[in-house]
């Protein structure tokens, strides 16, 4: 179980780090006010670079994603109560993130930002690019929060499993203590009965 949890945490952390690289574009569209055309052209230029990235990079990210999802499913198949709760929640968040990326983020990047028109930073940005850049920033934020939730659930499962192991370690001590108390009680009882007889 420890190896599987480690794989889930590592793959999720890697994907979260990949999402954080989008901060270059998302910070100027999501956290700046007011949002100017210069900010939007900066974000659009970044996404245009992503749209023209080598396909091998996309395949590599797909393999990492497949590894993480398969590991969560494998862990969920054990049927233990902790796995059903924590891994079930992790699977839901992980699948929601992948679904949003496959059906919303990636199609938007390839369709709207690959053929970026020539422009200057001060030029007015087309409305379709403005909407797409703002939507991508929001979607990236949602995906980041969901993957952070996966890490939180895996940490919760670790802490939920830890007390069970500690209670198992304390059980033999409790038995030993009760047996020593029983021996002491028998000693004093026999000693008192001997004094009464004498």
Protein backbone atom coordinates (compact mmCIF):
# COMPACT_ATOMS: atom_id res chain seq x y z
CA UNK A 1 0.00 0.00 0.00
CA UNK A 2 2.88 2.38 0.76
CA UNK A 3 4.35 2.04 -2.74
CA UNK A 4 0.99 2.68 -4.39
CA UNK A 5 0.35 5.76 -2.26
CA UNK A 6 3.85 6.99 -3.12
CA UNK A 7 3.17 6.57 -6.85
CA UNK A 8 -0.12 8.48 -6.55
CA UNK A 9 1.52 11.31 -4.59
CA UNK A 10 4.48 11.55 -7.00
CA UNK A 11 2.41 11.54 -10.18
CA UNK A 12 -0.12 14.00 -8.76
CA UNK A 13 2.67 16.30 -7.57
CA UNK A 14 4.28 16.16 -11.01
CA UNK A 15 1.01 17.09 -12.73
CA UNK A 16 0.42 19.84 -10.20
CA UNK A 17 3.88 21.22 -10.93
CA UNK A 18 3.14 21.12 -14.65
CA UNK A 19 -0.04 23.12 -14.01
CA UNK A 20 1.88 25.66 -11.95
CA UNK A 21 4.03 26.48 -14.97
CA UNK A 22 0.88 28.07 -16.44
CA UNK A 23 1.18 30.74 -13.75
CA UNK A 24 3.13 32.78 -16.31
CA UNK A 25 -0.10 33.27 -18.24
CA UNK A 26 -2.77 32.80 -15.57
CA UNK A 27 -1.34 35.31 -13.10
CA UNK A 28 -1.87 38.22 -15.48
CA UNK A 29 -5.41 37.21 -16.46
CA UNK A 30 -6.77 35.83 -13.20
CA UNK A 31 -5.10 37.88 -10.47
CA UNK A 32 -4.47 41.26 -12.10
CA UNK A 33 -7.00 44.05 -12.08
CA UNK A 34 -7.80 45.64 -14.43
CA UNK A 35 -7.08 43.08 -17.14
CA UNK A 36 -5.50 44.85 -20.08
CA UNK A 37 -5.01 43.80 -23.68
CA UNK A 38 -1.30 43.54 -22.95
CA UNK A 39 -1.99 40.97 -20.21
CA UNK A 40 -4.24 38.98 -22.52
CA UNK A 41 -1.74 39.01 -25.39
CA UNK A 42 0.95 37.77 -22.97
CA UNK A 43 -1.28 34.86 -21.94
CA UNK A 44 -2.23 34.14 -25.56
CA UNK A 45 1.43 34.08 -26.62
CA UNK A 46 2.23 31.59 -23.84
CA UNK A 47 -0.61 29.27 -24.84
CA UNK A 48 0.46 29.58 -28.47
CA UNK A 49 3.90 28.23 -27.48
CA UNK A 50 2.18 25.33 -25.67
CA UNK A 51 0.04 24.58 -28.73
CA UNK A 52 3.19 24.28 -30.88
CA UNK A 53 5.10 22.12 -28.35
CA UNK A 54 6.37 18.69 -29.49
CA UNK A 55 3.78 15.90 -29.41
CA UNK A 56 6.20 13.76 -27.35
CA UNK A 57 5.69 16.13 -24.43
CA UNK A 58 1.95 15.56 -24.56
CA UNK A 59 2.44 11.79 -24.73
CA UNK A 60 4.76 11.93 -21.73
CA UNK A 61 2.19 13.83 -19.67
CA UNK A 62 -0.44 11.33 -20.82
CA UNK A 63 1.68 8.42 -19.56
CA UNK A 64 2.19 10.10 -16.17
CA UNK A 65 -1.55 10.71 -15.94
CA UNK A 66 -2.37 7.12 -16.90
CA UNK A 67 0.07 5.81 -14.28
CA UNK A 68 -1.52 7.92 -11.53
CA UNK A 69 -5.09 7.01 -12.46
CA UNK A 70 -4.30 3.29 -12.78
CA UNK A 71 -2.59 3.26 -9.39
CA UNK A 72 -5.61 4.87 -7.70
CA UNK A 73 -7.91 2.32 -9.36
CA UNK A 74 -5.63 -0.53 -8.27
CA UNK A 75 -5.65 0.70 -4.68
CA UNK A 76 -9.43 1.16 -4.79
CA UNK A 77 -9.94 -2.48 -5.79
CA UNK A 78 -8.74 -3.70 -2.37
CA UNK A 79 -12.18 -2.90 -0.97
CA UNK A 80 -10.93 -1.67 2.41
CA UNK A 81 -12.98 1.06 4.10
CA UNK A 82 -10.09 3.55 4.05
CA UNK A 83 -9.40 2.87 0.38
CA UNK A 84 -13.06 3.26 -0.58
CA UNK A 85 -13.31 6.63 1.14
CA UNK A 86 -9.94 8.24 0.46
CA UNK A 87 -9.11 6.60 -2.88
CA UNK A 88 -12.71 6.99 -4.05
CA UNK A 89 -12.50 10.73 -3.44
CA UNK A 90 -9.04 10.85 -5.01
CA UNK A 91 -10.29 9.03 -8.10
CA UNK A 92 -13.23 11.43 -8.46
CA UNK A 93 -10.99 14.51 -8.25
CA UNK A 94 -8.33 12.98 -10.51
CA UNK A 95 -10.90 11.93 -13.13
CA UNK A 96 -12.61 15.34 -12.98
CA UNK A 97 -9.28 17.06 -13.64
CA UNK A 98 -8.45 14.79 -16.56
CA UNK A 99 -11.94 15.18 -18.01
CA UNK A 100 -11.72 18.97 -17.86
CA UNK A 101 -8.31 18.94 -19.50
CA UNK A 102 -9.28 16.54 -22.28
CA UNK A 103 -12.64 18.08 -23.15
CA UNK A 104 -12.08 21.76 -22.39
CA UNK A 105 -8.49 22.92 -21.87
CA UNK A 106 -6.56 21.08 -24.59
CA UNK A 107 -9.15 21.60 -27.37
CA UNK A 108 -9.25 25.32 -26.55
CA UNK A 109 -5.45 25.63 -26.64
CA UNK A 110 -5.08 23.83 -29.97
CA UNK A 111 -8.09 25.41 -31.68
CA UNK A 112 -7.77 29.05 -30.59
CA UNK A 113 -4.11 29.68 -29.77
CA UNK A 114 -2.15 27.68 -32.34
CA UNK A 115 -2.97 30.09 -35.22
CA UNK A 116 -2.23 33.28 -33.24
CA UNK A 117 -2.43 36.40 -35.45
CA UNK A 118 0.46 38.84 -35.66
CA UNK A 119 0.01 41.65 -33.18
CA UNK A 120 1.57 44.24 -30.93
CA UNK A 121 1.07 44.11 -27.16
CA UNK A 122 -1.06 47.26 -27.22
CA UNK A 123 -3.39 46.03 -29.99
CA UNK A 124 -6.99 45.19 -29.01
CA UNK A 125 -7.33 41.44 -28.55
CA UNK A 126 -10.17 39.62 -30.35
CA UNK A 127 -13.12 38.74 -28.12
CA UNK A 128 -12.80 34.99 -28.77
CA UNK A 129 -9.17 35.01 -27.57
CA UNK A 130 -10.10 37.14 -24.55
CA UNK A 131 -12.81 34.67 -23.51
CA UNK A 132 -10.57 31.67 -24.16
CA UNK A 133 -7.68 33.08 -22.11
CA UNK A 134 -9.92 33.87 -19.14
CA UNK A 135 -11.60 30.46 -19.32
CA UNK A 136 -8.23 28.69 -19.45
CA UNK A 137 -7.03 30.56 -16.35
CA UNK A 138 -10.17 29.53 -14.45
CA UNK A 139 -9.94 25.92 -15.60
CA UNK A 140 -6.27 25.69 -14.62
CA UNK A 141 -7.13 27.01 -11.17
CA UNK A 142 -9.92 24.45 -10.76
CA UNK A 143 -7.61 21.62 -11.85
CA UNK A 144 -4.90 22.80 -9.45
CA UNK A 145 -7.33 22.82 -6.53
CA UNK A 146 -8.62 19.35 -7.48
CA UNK A 147 -5.12 17.85 -7.63
CA UNK A 148 -4.27 19.50 -4.32
CA UNK A 149 -7.38 17.76 -2.97
CA UNK A 150 -5.97 14.41 -4.15
CA UNK A 151 -2.78 15.06 -2.17
CA UNK A 152 -4.84 16.07 0.89
CA UNK A 153 -6.91 12.87 0.68
CA UNK A 154 -3.78 10.73 0.40
CA UNK A 155 -2.32 12.50 3.44
CA UNK A 156 -5.61 11.91 5.27
CA UNK A 157 -5.46 8.21 4.51
CA UNK A 158 -1.91 8.07 5.84
CA UNK A 159 -2.96 9.67 9.15
CA UNK A 160 -6.11 7.54 9.34
CA UNK A 161 -4.07 4.34 8.99
CA UNK A 162 -1.43 5.43 11.50
CA UNK A 163 -3.54 5.21 14.74
CA UNK A 164 -4.60 1.65 13.85
CA UNK A 165 -0.97 0.56 13.75
CA UNK A 166 -0.23 2.32 17.05
CA UNK A 167 -3.22 0.72 18.78
CA UNK A 168 -2.02 -2.70 17.61
CA UNK A 169 1.36 -1.96 19.19
CA UNK A 170 -0.28 -0.95 22.49
CA UNK A 171 -2.46 -4.07 22.71
CA UNK A 172 0.25 -6.50 23.99
CA UNK A 173 1.23 -3.97 26.68
CA UNK A 174 -2.35 -3.81 27.88
CA UNK A 175 -2.52 -7.61 28.11
CA UNK A 176 0.77 -7.69 30.03
CA UNK A 177 -0.44 -5.03 32.44
CA UNK A 178 -3.71 -6.81 33.12
CA UNK A 179 -1.95 -10.14 33.70
CA UNK A 180 0.52 -8.57 36.14
CA UNK A 181 -2.39 -6.94 38.00
CA UNK A 182 -4.10 -10.33 38.19
CA UNK A 183 -0.95 -11.97 39.60
CA UNK A 184 -0.63 -9.25 42.26
CA UNK A 185 -4.26 -9.69 43.27
CA UNK A 186 -3.82 -13.46 43.60
CA UNK A 187 -0.69 -12.93 45.75
CA UNK A 188 -2.42 -10.62 48.22
CA UNK A 189 -5.50 -12.84 48.38
CA UNK A 190 -3.45 -15.95 49.18
CA UNK A 191 -1.39 -14.01 51.75
CA UNK A 192 -4.54 -12.79 53.51
CA UNK A 193 -6.08 -16.27 53.59
CA UNK A 194 -2.87 -17.69 55.16
CA UNK A 195 -2.99 -15.05 57.93
CA UNK A 196 -6.64 -15.90 58.69
CA UNK A 197 -5.86 -19.59 58.97
CA UNK A 198 -3.00 -18.92 61.38
